[in-house]
């Protein structure tokens, strides 16, 4: 089990009243977690300033832990090294200046460098190519891990599998075996976070094809071995929450004892306002030591020109 470092959020308004950290009305101990996902930080569209504003807004909720759901930068997948480095610098400057509590980062598809070799002008032999840039950025030796904080276990997954035409959501055999062992090693209430949803209604909500009359949920929108993962969670009933991002949409699916929460997006419609009716925002979760929790989604007040 790996430790985290400082480097390593239901709709409410900017003035939402939240329970104080480490307390609840019933006197249970509580850990406050901010789930911020899909920043897509870049120099255009006011995104760097917006990233700063969102982080500052979330810190005013006094979280004990920040979980970043991936897509910290707008795109490394198809960008050259200089452009990718600029985006990471803009993101890290704001993170390091504003977030003074432990942070755990989840790998997003836009955080991978150069998988589109032609567009990124890479060979694949570069020291930071692929997932290695993300690992170096946050001082990690692998893209999945777990840690304990308060009375909870937190499991960070890597749902990105490279395919000939891009990527799919998938947990390979090695990571699945690791996950089985990690879940079996604790009985603490457990929260799992991934970038691509493990299980979500959001891909269905935008996946109807009028021409065919069918819903189309691609492997790039939901993790393909979701059935096996849900069976594994059912065998480990201490798994209570599965957070995700990626779709920029907000949902909650309660299924076989697990609450699957897709967390909207800090960037909303990629810094062009709300996306399918959902404002740019983040989630705050109060996790109780008995495994219960409260969660709400907080729009942080961004408009297209925050300056």
Protein backbone atom coordinates (compact mmCIF):
# COMPACT_ATOMS: atom_id res chain seq x y z
CA UNK A 1 0.00 0.00 0.00
CA UNK A 2 1.37 3.36 -1.02
CA UNK A 3 1.22 6.57 0.99
CA UNK A 4 0.16 9.88 -0.54
CA UNK A 5 1.79 13.28 -0.32
CA UNK A 6 0.59 16.88 -0.43
CA UNK A 7 0.99 16.85 -4.19
CA UNK A 8 -0.59 13.89 -4.68
CA UNK A 9 -16.60 17.35 -4.45
CA UNK A 10 -26.20 16.30 -5.53
CA UNK A 11 -26.17 19.94 -6.62
CA UNK A 12 -25.57 22.88 -4.24
CA UNK A 13 -24.72 26.54 -4.65
CA UNK A 14 -21.59 28.46 -3.81
CA UNK A 15 -23.01 29.26 -0.39
CA UNK A 16 -23.95 25.67 0.43
CA UNK A 17 -23.85 24.86 4.13
CA UNK A 18 -21.78 21.76 4.78
CA UNK A 19 -21.18 19.78 7.94
CA UNK A 20 -17.91 20.68 9.68
CA UNK A 21 -14.99 18.34 9.18
CA UNK A 22 -14.64 15.42 11.63
CA UNK A 23 -18.18 15.85 12.97
CA UNK A 24 -21.77 15.01 12.15
CA UNK A 25 -25.15 15.57 13.69
CA UNK A 26 -25.06 12.08 15.17
CA UNK A 27 -21.63 12.62 16.69
CA UNK A 28 -19.88 10.23 14.30
CA UNK A 29 -16.36 10.96 13.19
CA UNK A 30 -16.21 12.25 9.64
CA UNK A 31 -13.59 12.84 6.97
CA UNK A 32 -14.26 15.53 4.39
CA UNK A 33 -13.15 14.75 0.84
CA UNK A 34 -13.21 17.05 -2.19
CA UNK A 35 -13.55 15.25 -5.53
CA UNK A 36 -12.40 17.51 -8.35
CA UNK A 37 -12.18 16.03 -11.82
CA UNK A 38 -11.61 17.13 -15.41
CA UNK A 39 -9.84 20.46 -15.06
CA UNK A 40 -8.53 20.48 -18.64
CA UNK A 41 -6.08 23.21 -17.68
CA UNK A 42 -4.68 25.20 -20.62
CA UNK A 43 -3.72 28.80 -21.41
CA UNK A 44 -6.82 29.42 -23.57
CA UNK A 45 -10.46 30.16 -22.62
CA UNK A 46 -9.55 31.41 -19.14
CA UNK A 47 -8.91 27.81 -18.08
CA UNK A 48 -5.82 28.53 -15.98
CA UNK A 49 -7.63 31.25 -14.04
CA UNK A 50 -10.68 29.02 -13.77
CA UNK A 51 -8.56 26.19 -12.39
CA UNK A 52 -7.25 28.59 -9.77
CA UNK A 53 -10.74 29.79 -8.86
CA UNK A 54 -12.12 26.24 -8.57
CA UNK A 55 -9.27 25.07 -6.35
CA UNK A 56 -9.65 28.11 -4.09
CA UNK A 57 -13.42 27.55 -3.91
CA UNK A 58 -12.96 23.91 -2.93
CA UNK A 59 -10.40 24.80 -0.26
CA UNK A 60 -12.97 27.07 1.40
CA UNK A 61 -14.99 23.91 2.12
CA UNK A 62 -12.09 22.80 4.36
CA UNK A 63 -11.51 19.29 3.01
CA UNK A 64 -9.13 16.91 4.73
CA UNK A 65 -8.27 15.20 1.44
CA UNK A 66 -8.52 16.07 -2.25
CA UNK A 67 -9.14 13.37 -4.84
CA UNK A 68 -8.40 14.52 -8.39
CA UNK A 69 -10.26 12.40 -10.92
CA UNK A 70 -7.98 12.90 -13.92
CA UNK A 71 -7.69 15.09 -17.00
CA UNK A 72 -5.67 17.65 -15.12
CA UNK A 73 -4.55 19.14 -18.44
CA UNK A 74 -6.45 19.84 -21.63
CA UNK A 75 -4.46 17.39 -23.71
CA UNK A 76 -1.15 15.57 -23.75
CA UNK A 77 -2.48 12.72 -25.86
CA UNK A 78 -1.92 14.49 -29.18
CA UNK A 79 0.39 17.39 -28.23
CA UNK A 80 4.12 17.87 -28.53
CA UNK A 81 6.40 18.05 -25.52
CA UNK A 82 6.48 21.85 -25.23
CA UNK A 83 2.70 22.24 -25.28
CA UNK A 84 2.25 19.39 -22.80
CA UNK A 85 4.85 20.87 -20.46
CA UNK A 86 3.12 24.28 -20.54
CA UNK A 87 -0.21 22.76 -19.51
CA UNK A 88 1.35 20.80 -16.67
CA UNK A 89 3.17 23.90 -15.43
CA UNK A 90 -0.08 25.91 -15.34
CA UNK A 91 -1.84 23.14 -13.43
CA UNK A 92 0.97 22.44 -10.96
CA UNK A 93 1.59 26.10 -10.13
CA UNK A 94 -2.01 26.47 -9.01
CA UNK A 95 -2.17 23.14 -7.22
CA UNK A 96 1.03 23.75 -5.27
CA UNK A 97 0.03 27.32 -4.32
CA UNK A 98 -3.54 26.61 -3.22
CA UNK A 99 -3.98 23.04 -2.04
CA UNK A 100 -2.38 22.48 1.36
CA UNK A 101 -3.96 19.14 2.25
CA UNK A 102 -3.06 15.67 0.93
CA UNK A 103 -3.96 15.09 -2.73
CA UNK A 104 -4.28 11.84 -4.67
CA UNK A 105 -4.27 12.04 -8.47
CA UNK A 106 -6.05 9.66 -10.83
CA UNK A 107 -4.74 9.23 -14.36
CA UNK A 108 -7.01 10.66 -17.08
CA UNK A 109 -6.82 10.01 -20.80
CA UNK A 110 -5.79 13.61 -21.48
CA UNK A 111 -2.92 13.25 -18.98
CA UNK A 112 -1.22 10.59 -21.12
CA UNK A 113 1.48 11.97 -23.38
CA UNK A 114 1.87 11.07 -27.01
CA UNK A 115 -0.35 8.02 -27.55
CA UNK A 116 -1.27 9.77 -30.81
CA UNK A 117 2.27 9.60 -32.15
CA UNK A 118 1.62 11.45 -35.39
CA UNK A 119 -0.04 14.48 -33.78
CA UNK A 120 2.39 14.61 -30.83
CA UNK A 121 5.43 14.03 -33.02
CA UNK A 122 6.71 11.35 -30.66
CA UNK A 123 8.34 7.97 -31.23
CA UNK A 124 7.33 6.24 -28.00
CA UNK A 125 10.95 6.08 -26.84
CA UNK A 126 10.86 9.42 -24.99
CA UNK A 127 11.55 9.15 -21.22
CA UNK A 128 8.18 10.72 -20.37
CA UNK A 129 6.12 9.11 -23.13
CA UNK A 130 2.73 7.63 -22.35
CA UNK A 131 1.86 7.31 -18.66
CA UNK A 132 5.42 8.02 -17.53
CA UNK A 133 4.93 11.80 -17.60
CA UNK A 134 2.07 11.53 -15.10
CA UNK A 135 4.14 9.24 -12.86
CA UNK A 136 7.08 11.64 -12.87
CA UNK A 137 4.82 14.64 -12.25
CA UNK A 138 3.53 13.17 -9.00
CA UNK A 139 6.47 11.04 -7.92
CA UNK A 140 4.65 7.70 -8.29
CA UNK A 141 5.99 4.35 -9.39
CA UNK A 142 2.69 3.05 -10.78
CA UNK A 143 -0.68 4.43 -11.82
CA UNK A 144 -2.81 2.53 -9.29
CA UNK A 145 -2.43 2.36 -5.52
CA UNK A 146 -4.26 2.50 -2.20
CA UNK A 147 -3.92 4.32 1.11
CA UNK A 148 -5.76 4.80 4.38
CA UNK A 149 -6.90 8.10 5.84
CA UNK A 150 -9.23 8.53 8.78
CA UNK A 151 -11.35 5.41 9.04
CA UNK A 152 -11.42 4.74 5.29
CA UNK A 153 -9.43 2.93 2.62
CA UNK A 154 -9.00 4.77 -0.67
CA UNK A 155 -8.23 2.86 -3.88
CA UNK A 156 -7.01 4.74 -6.97
CA UNK A 157 -7.39 2.85 -10.26
CA UNK A 158 -5.97 3.27 -13.75
CA UNK A 159 -8.77 2.57 -16.23
CA UNK A 160 -6.80 3.46 -19.38
CA UNK A 161 -5.90 0.72 -21.83
CA UNK A 162 -4.22 1.78 -25.07
CA UNK A 163 -5.91 0.49 -28.24
CA UNK A 164 -4.94 0.88 -31.93
CA UNK A 165 -7.49 3.69 -32.36
CA UNK A 166 -7.03 5.39 -28.97
CA UNK A 167 -8.01 3.96 -25.60
CA UNK A 168 -10.64 1.93 -23.78
CA UNK A 169 -11.68 1.77 -20.16
CA UNK A 170 -10.32 -1.52 -18.83
CA UNK A 171 -8.55 -3.05 -15.85
CA UNK A 172 -5.91 -5.48 -17.08
CA UNK A 173 -5.23 -8.82 -15.39
CA UNK A 174 -2.35 -7.49 -13.30
CA UNK A 175 -4.37 -4.62 -11.86
CA UNK A 176 -7.41 -6.84 -11.26
CA UNK A 177 -5.31 -9.29 -9.27
CA UNK A 178 -3.82 -6.43 -7.28
CA UNK A 179 -7.31 -5.02 -6.63
CA UNK A 180 -8.59 -8.40 -5.39
CA UNK A 181 -5.72 -8.63 -2.94
CA UNK A 182 -6.02 -5.03 -1.79
CA UNK A 183 -9.75 -5.29 -1.09
CA UNK A 184 -9.27 -8.57 0.75
CA UNK A 185 -6.62 -7.01 2.99
CA UNK A 186 -8.99 -4.58 4.76
CA UNK A 187 -12.48 -4.36 6.21
CA UNK A 188 -12.46 -0.57 6.42
CA UNK A 189 -15.13 1.31 4.48
CA UNK A 190 -13.62 1.70 1.04
CA UNK A 191 -13.86 4.38 -1.65
CA UNK A 192 -12.62 3.56 -5.16
CA UNK A 193 -11.79 6.28 -7.68
CA UNK A 194 -11.22 5.95 -11.41
CA UNK A 195 -11.25 8.33 -14.36
CA UNK A 196 -13.43 6.38 -16.76
CA UNK A 197 -16.61 5.28 -14.94
CA UNK A 198 -16.72 1.74 -13.66
CA UNK A 199 -20.53 1.91 -13.87
CA UNK A 200 -22.61 4.96 -14.83
CA UNK A 201 -25.83 6.07 -16.48
CA UNK A 202 -24.10 9.07 -18.07
CA UNK A 203 -22.81 7.24 -21.19
CA UNK A 204 -26.37 6.01 -21.81
CA UNK A 205 -27.79 9.51 -21.33
CA UNK A 206 -25.81 10.83 -24.30
CA UNK A 207 -25.46 7.55 -26.24
CA UNK A 208 -28.77 7.21 -28.11
CA UNK A 209 -28.36 6.87 -31.89
CA UNK A 210 -31.51 8.08 -33.67
CA UNK A 211 -30.43 6.43 -36.94
CA UNK A 212 -30.16 2.92 -35.48
CA UNK A 213 -32.66 3.32 -32.64
CA UNK A 214 -30.13 1.87 -30.20
CA UNK A 215 -28.03 3.13 -27.32
CA UNK A 216 -24.32 2.95 -27.95
CA UNK A 217 -21.97 2.87 -24.96
CA UNK A 218 -18.42 2.65 -26.24
CA UNK A 219 -15.46 1.21 -24.41
CA UNK A 220 -13.98 4.68 -24.23
CA UNK A 221 -16.95 5.83 -22.07
CA UNK A 222 -17.35 3.06 -19.49
CA UNK A 223 -14.95 0.42 -18.22
CA UNK A 224 -15.41 -2.69 -20.37
CA UNK A 225 -14.93 -5.30 -17.64
CA UNK A 226 -17.46 -3.57 -15.42
CA UNK A 227 -19.29 -6.84 -14.71
CA UNK A 228 -16.20 -8.44 -13.16
CA UNK A 229 -15.47 -5.32 -11.13
CA UNK A 230 -19.03 -5.14 -9.78
CA UNK A 231 -18.89 -8.82 -8.84
CA UNK A 232 -15.63 -8.17 -7.00
CA UNK A 233 -17.20 -5.26 -5.11
CA UNK A 234 -20.18 -7.44 -4.17
CA UNK A 235 -17.76 -9.96 -2.67
CA UNK A 236 -16.25 -7.13 -0.61
CA UNK A 237 -19.23 -5.32 0.93
CA UNK A 238 -16.99 -2.79 2.63
CA UNK A 239 -16.68 -1.12 -0.80
CA UNK A 240 -19.17 1.73 -0.43
CA UNK A 241 -18.35 4.37 -3.07
CA UNK A 242 -16.92 4.42 -6.61
CA UNK A 243 -16.07 7.89 -7.91
CA UNK A 244 -15.38 8.75 -11.55
CA UNK A 245 -15.17 11.62 -14.01
CA UNK A 246 -14.51 11.64 -17.77
CA UNK A 247 -18.07 12.16 -19.07
CA UNK A 248 -18.41 15.70 -17.60
CA UNK A 249 -21.88 14.64 -16.45
CA UNK A 250 -23.30 14.11 -12.98
CA UNK A 251 -25.04 11.02 -11.71
CA UNK A 252 -25.48 8.63 -8.80
CA UNK A 253 -26.20 4.95 -9.35
CA UNK A 254 -26.77 2.79 -6.27
CA UNK A 255 -26.22 -0.82 -7.27
CA UNK A 256 -25.60 -3.91 -5.14
CA UNK A 257 -24.54 -1.88 -2.14
CA UNK A 258 -22.14 0.47 -3.94
CA UNK A 259 -22.84 4.13 -4.77
CA UNK A 260 -21.33 4.98 -8.15
CA UNK A 261 -20.90 8.76 -8.37
CA UNK A 262 -19.88 10.38 -11.64
CA UNK A 263 -18.54 13.75 -10.64
CA UNK A 264 -19.35 16.31 -13.33
CA UNK A 265 -16.36 18.45 -14.29
CA UNK A 266 -14.50 21.46 -12.99
CA UNK A 267 -14.30 22.61 -16.63
CA UNK A 268 -17.97 21.96 -17.43
CA UNK A 269 -18.29 22.10 -21.22
CA UNK A 270 -14.52 22.29 -21.67
CA UNK A 271 -14.50 25.91 -20.44
CA UNK A 272 -17.49 26.90 -22.59
CA UNK A 273 -20.15 26.95 -19.86
CA UNK A 274 -22.50 24.22 -18.57
CA UNK A 275 -22.51 20.79 -20.21
CA UNK A 276 -25.92 19.20 -20.86
CA UNK A 277 -27.34 21.34 -18.06
CA UNK A 278 -24.59 20.66 -15.51
CA UNK A 279 -22.62 23.63 -14.23
CA UNK A 280 -18.84 23.46 -13.78
CA UNK A 281 -18.37 22.09 -10.27
CA UNK A 282 -16.98 19.53 -7.87
CA UNK A 283 -18.23 17.17 -5.18
CA UNK A 284 -17.80 17.33 -1.44
CA UNK A 285 -18.22 14.07 0.48
CA UNK A 286 -18.39 13.66 4.24
CA UNK A 287 -17.32 10.09 4.95
CA UNK A 288 -18.34 8.68 8.34
CA UNK A 289 -16.38 6.07 10.19
CA UNK A 290 -19.37 3.70 10.16
CA UNK A 291 -19.32 3.63 6.34
CA UNK A 292 -22.12 6.14 5.83
CA UNK A 293 -21.63 9.32 3.82
CA UNK A 294 -23.21 12.49 2.52
CA UNK A 295 -22.32 13.99 -0.86
CA UNK A 296 -23.23 17.11 -2.76
CA UNK A 297 -22.18 18.74 -6.01
CA UNK A 298 -21.13 22.37 -5.77
CA UNK A 299 -21.02 24.67 -8.80
CA UNK A 300 -18.13 27.02 -8.16
CA UNK A 301 -19.42 30.03 -10.09
CA UNK A 302 -17.45 30.04 -13.33
CA UNK A 303 -18.54 31.99 -16.37
CA UNK A 304 -16.92 31.94 -19.80
CA UNK A 305 -14.70 34.91 -19.06
CA UNK A 306 -13.73 34.66 -15.35
CA UNK A 307 -11.29 37.53 -15.60
